[in-house]
Amino acid sequence: MAELKYEIKETIGVLSENAKGWTKELNKVSWNDYPAKYDIREWSPDHSRMGKGVTLTDEEFENLAKLIRGEAVDLEGDDVDEGEIL
């Protein structure tokens, strides 16, 4: 299996910490040298291991923030790249 390459480009904040010291974090992460995306996942204390997570483009992150604030999100006219979904 090919090695997964990642680099945390920006640490935004810690959402929670479990009893074993793993933290659920919001960061901007570059995966396999692609442009950094917003990323929510659990990390080991030294960031050498990680759990499953969610990555969001800038636009998806802005839409999430709007939804959290109770604002409507207008998706009309947005081009959806099926490669991003699948």
N, C-alpha and C. Protein backbone atom coordinates (compact mmCIF):
# COMPACT_ATOMS: atom_id res chain seq x y z
N MET A 1 0.84 -1.17 0.00
CA MET A 1 0.00 0.00 0.00
C MET A 1 0.89 1.24 0.00
N ALA A 2 0.53 2.21 -0.82
CA ALA A 2 1.30 3.45 -0.90
C ALA A 2 1.18 4.24 0.39
N GLU A 3 2.26 4.92 0.74
CA GLU A 3 2.26 5.72 1.96
C GLU A 3 1.45 6.99 1.75
N LEU A 4 0.66 7.34 2.74
CA LEU A 4 -0.14 8.55 2.71
C LEU A 4 0.72 9.72 3.14
N LYS A 5 0.80 10.74 2.31
CA LYS A 5 1.61 11.92 2.62
C LYS A 5 0.68 13.05 3.04
N TYR A 6 1.00 13.68 4.14
CA TYR A 6 0.18 14.79 4.61
C TYR A 6 1.05 15.84 5.29
N GLU A 7 0.56 17.07 5.27
CA GLU A 7 1.23 18.15 5.98
C GLU A 7 0.16 19.09 6.53
N ILE A 8 0.20 19.31 7.84
CA ILE A 8 -0.72 20.26 8.45
C ILE A 8 -0.18 21.65 8.15
N LYS A 9 -0.90 22.38 7.31
CA LYS A 9 -0.46 23.70 6.88
C LYS A 9 -0.87 24.79 7.87
N GLU A 10 -2.02 24.59 8.53
CA GLU A 10 -2.51 25.58 9.50
C GLU A 10 -3.30 24.86 10.58
N THR A 11 -2.95 25.10 11.83
CA THR A 11 -3.70 24.57 12.96
C THR A 11 -4.72 25.62 13.36
N ILE A 12 -6.00 25.26 13.28
CA ILE A 12 -7.05 26.22 13.60
C ILE A 12 -7.53 26.06 15.03
N GLY A 13 -7.73 24.81 15.49
CA GLY A 13 -8.14 24.63 16.87
C GLY A 13 -8.48 23.20 17.22
N VAL A 14 -8.52 22.95 18.52
CA VAL A 14 -8.87 21.64 19.07
C VAL A 14 -10.32 21.68 19.50
N LEU A 15 -11.10 20.69 19.05
CA LEU A 15 -12.52 20.62 19.40
C LEU A 15 -12.74 19.82 20.67
N SER A 16 -11.94 18.77 20.89
CA SER A 16 -12.07 17.94 22.09
C SER A 16 -10.83 17.08 22.25
N GLU A 17 -10.71 16.47 23.44
CA GLU A 17 -9.61 15.55 23.72
C GLU A 17 -10.16 14.35 24.47
N ASN A 18 -9.72 13.14 24.08
CA ASN A 18 -10.20 11.95 24.77
C ASN A 18 -9.23 11.54 25.88
N ALA A 19 -9.57 10.51 26.63
CA ALA A 19 -8.79 10.08 27.79
C ALA A 19 -7.38 9.61 27.41
N LYS A 20 -7.19 9.18 26.17
CA LYS A 20 -5.86 8.71 25.73
C LYS A 20 -5.02 9.82 25.13
N GLY A 21 -5.51 11.04 25.16
CA GLY A 21 -4.74 12.18 24.68
C GLY A 21 -4.93 12.52 23.21
N TRP A 22 -5.74 11.74 22.50
CA TRP A 22 -6.03 12.06 21.10
C TRP A 22 -6.93 13.28 21.06
N THR A 23 -6.70 14.17 20.10
CA THR A 23 -7.49 15.38 19.99
C THR A 23 -8.23 15.41 18.66
N LYS A 24 -9.47 15.87 18.72
CA LYS A 24 -10.24 16.11 17.49
C LYS A 24 -9.97 17.56 17.13
N GLU A 25 -9.44 17.77 15.91
CA GLU A 25 -8.96 19.09 15.53
C GLU A 25 -9.55 19.56 14.21
N LEU A 26 -9.58 20.87 14.06
CA LEU A 26 -9.87 21.52 12.79
C LEU A 26 -8.57 22.13 12.31
N ASN A 27 -8.10 21.67 11.17
CA ASN A 27 -6.85 22.13 10.59
C ASN A 27 -7.02 22.34 9.09
N LYS A 28 -6.03 22.98 8.47
CA LYS A 28 -5.92 22.99 7.01
C LYS A 28 -4.80 22.01 6.70
N VAL A 29 -5.12 20.95 5.94
CA VAL A 29 -4.18 19.87 5.68
C VAL A 29 -4.02 19.66 4.18
N SER A 30 -2.78 19.50 3.76
CA SER A 30 -2.46 19.12 2.39
C SER A 30 -2.25 17.61 2.36
N TRP A 31 -3.04 16.91 1.55
CA TRP A 31 -2.93 15.46 1.42
C TRP A 31 -2.27 15.14 0.09
N ASN A 32 -1.18 14.38 0.12
CA ASN A 32 -0.46 13.95 -1.09
C ASN A 32 -0.12 15.13 -2.00
N ASP A 33 0.34 16.22 -1.40
CA ASP A 33 0.81 17.42 -2.11
C ASP A 33 -0.28 18.19 -2.85
N TYR A 34 -1.55 17.89 -2.58
CA TYR A 34 -2.65 18.67 -3.15
C TYR A 34 -2.85 19.92 -2.30
N PRO A 35 -3.56 20.93 -2.84
CA PRO A 35 -3.81 22.14 -2.04
C PRO A 35 -4.52 21.78 -0.73
N ALA A 36 -4.20 22.52 0.31
CA ALA A 36 -4.76 22.25 1.64
C ALA A 36 -6.26 22.47 1.66
N LYS A 37 -6.96 21.61 2.41
CA LYS A 37 -8.39 21.72 2.63
C LYS A 37 -8.64 21.74 4.13
N TYR A 38 -9.81 22.26 4.50
CA TYR A 38 -10.21 22.17 5.90
C TYR A 38 -10.39 20.70 6.25
N ASP A 39 -9.98 20.32 7.44
CA ASP A 39 -9.95 18.91 7.81
C ASP A 39 -10.35 18.78 9.28
N ILE A 40 -11.31 17.90 9.54
CA ILE A 40 -11.73 17.60 10.91
C ILE A 40 -11.48 16.12 11.14
N ARG A 41 -10.62 15.78 12.12
CA ARG A 41 -10.35 14.39 12.46
C ARG A 41 -9.62 14.31 13.79
N GLU A 42 -9.51 13.09 14.32
CA GLU A 42 -8.75 12.86 15.55
C GLU A 42 -7.29 12.58 15.21
N TRP A 43 -6.41 13.13 16.04
CA TRP A 43 -4.97 12.95 15.88
C TRP A 43 -4.36 12.43 17.18
N SER A 44 -3.33 11.59 17.02
CA SER A 44 -2.57 11.15 18.19
C SER A 44 -1.81 12.36 18.73
N PRO A 45 -1.33 12.27 19.99
CA PRO A 45 -0.65 13.43 20.58
C PRO A 45 0.52 13.97 19.75
N ASP A 46 1.26 13.10 19.06
CA ASP A 46 2.40 13.56 18.26
C ASP A 46 2.06 13.76 16.78
N HIS A 47 0.79 13.63 16.42
CA HIS A 47 0.30 13.79 15.04
C HIS A 47 0.90 12.78 14.06
N SER A 48 1.41 11.66 14.56
CA SER A 48 1.94 10.63 13.67
C SER A 48 0.86 9.67 13.19
N ARG A 49 -0.28 9.64 13.89
CA ARG A 49 -1.40 8.78 13.51
C ARG A 49 -2.67 9.59 13.56
N MET A 50 -3.64 9.16 12.74
CA MET A 50 -4.89 9.89 12.70
C MET A 50 -6.04 8.94 12.52
N GLY A 51 -7.24 9.39 12.88
CA GLY A 51 -8.46 8.64 12.66
C GLY A 51 -9.11 9.09 11.37
N LYS A 52 -10.25 8.48 11.07
CA LYS A 52 -11.01 8.90 9.90
C LYS A 52 -11.52 10.30 10.12
N GLY A 53 -11.66 11.02 9.02
CA GLY A 53 -12.09 12.40 9.15
C GLY A 53 -12.87 12.89 7.95
N VAL A 54 -13.08 14.17 7.93
CA VAL A 54 -13.82 14.84 6.86
C VAL A 54 -12.96 15.98 6.35
N THR A 55 -12.86 16.10 5.01
CA THR A 55 -12.18 17.24 4.41
C THR A 55 -13.20 18.08 3.68
N LEU A 56 -13.02 19.39 3.73
CA LEU A 56 -13.94 20.33 3.11
C LEU A 56 -13.17 21.37 2.31
N THR A 57 -13.67 21.68 1.11
CA THR A 57 -13.11 22.78 0.35
C THR A 57 -13.44 24.09 1.06
N ASP A 58 -12.84 25.18 0.63
CA ASP A 58 -13.15 26.48 1.23
C ASP A 58 -14.64 26.78 1.11
N GLU A 59 -15.22 26.51 -0.06
CA GLU A 59 -16.64 26.78 -0.27
C GLU A 59 -17.52 25.90 0.63
N GLU A 60 -17.17 24.62 0.75
CA GLU A 60 -17.93 23.73 1.64
C GLU A 60 -17.84 24.19 3.09
N PHE A 61 -16.66 24.65 3.50
CA PHE A 61 -16.48 25.13 4.86
C PHE A 61 -17.32 26.38 5.11
N GLU A 62 -17.35 27.30 4.13
CA GLU A 62 -18.18 28.50 4.25
C GLU A 62 -19.65 28.11 4.35
N ASN A 63 -20.08 27.13 3.55
CA ASN A 63 -21.47 26.68 3.62
C ASN A 63 -21.79 26.05 4.97
N LEU A 64 -20.86 25.27 5.51
CA LEU A 64 -21.06 24.68 6.83
C LEU A 64 -21.21 25.77 7.89
N ALA A 65 -20.36 26.78 7.82
CA ALA A 65 -20.44 27.90 8.77
C ALA A 65 -21.79 28.59 8.67
N LYS A 66 -22.28 28.79 7.45
CA LYS A 66 -23.60 29.41 7.26
C LYS A 66 -24.69 28.54 7.90
N LEU A 67 -24.64 27.24 7.67
CA LEU A 67 -25.64 26.34 8.23
C LEU A 67 -25.61 26.37 9.75
N ILE A 68 -24.44 26.41 10.35
CA ILE A 68 -24.31 26.47 11.80
C ILE A 68 -24.92 27.77 12.34
N ARG A 69 -24.75 28.86 11.60
CA ARG A 69 -25.33 30.15 12.01
C ARG A 69 -26.82 30.23 11.71
N GLY A 70 -27.38 29.19 11.07
CA GLY A 70 -28.80 29.19 10.74
C GLY A 70 -29.14 29.92 9.46
N GLU A 71 -28.13 30.18 8.64
CA GLU A 71 -28.34 30.88 7.38
C GLU A 71 -28.61 29.87 6.26
N ALA A 72 -29.30 30.35 5.24
CA ALA A 72 -29.57 29.51 4.07
C ALA A 72 -28.32 29.42 3.21
N VAL A 73 -28.17 28.27 2.56
CA VAL A 73 -27.07 28.06 1.63
C VAL A 73 -27.67 27.94 0.23
N ASP A 74 -27.22 28.79 -0.69
CA ASP A 74 -27.70 28.77 -2.06
C ASP A 74 -26.75 27.91 -2.89
N LEU A 75 -27.22 26.75 -3.32
CA LEU A 75 -26.40 25.85 -4.13
C LEU A 75 -26.70 25.97 -5.61
N GLU A 76 -27.70 26.75 -5.99
CA GLU A 76 -28.05 26.89 -7.39
C GLU A 76 -26.89 27.50 -8.16
N GLY A 77 -26.57 26.87 -9.26
CA GLY A 77 -25.48 27.37 -10.09
C GLY A 77 -24.13 26.82 -9.69
N ASP A 78 -24.05 26.14 -8.56
CA ASP A 78 -22.78 25.54 -8.16
C ASP A 78 -22.50 24.33 -9.04
N ASP A 79 -21.31 24.26 -9.56
CA ASP A 79 -20.90 23.10 -10.33
C ASP A 79 -20.37 22.05 -9.36
N VAL A 80 -20.97 20.87 -9.39
CA VAL A 80 -20.54 19.79 -8.53
C VAL A 80 -19.66 18.86 -9.34
N ASP A 81 -18.44 18.65 -8.88
CA ASP A 81 -17.52 17.74 -9.53
C ASP A 81 -17.75 16.35 -8.94
N GLU A 82 -18.29 15.44 -9.74
CA GLU A 82 -18.60 14.10 -9.24
C GLU A 82 -17.36 13.41 -8.71
N GLY A 83 -16.20 13.73 -9.22
CA GLY A 83 -14.95 13.15 -8.73
C GLY A 83 -14.68 13.52 -7.29
N GLU A 84 -15.14 14.70 -6.88
CA GLU A 84 -14.98 15.14 -5.50
C GLU A 84 -15.91 14.37 -4.57
N ILE A 85 -17.07 13.95 -5.08
CA ILE A 85 -18.05 13.24 -4.27
C ILE A 85 -17.70 11.77 -4.14
N LEU A 86 -17.33 11.16 -5.23
CA LEU A 86 -17.09 9.72 -5.23
C LEU A 86 -15.76 9.40 -4.75
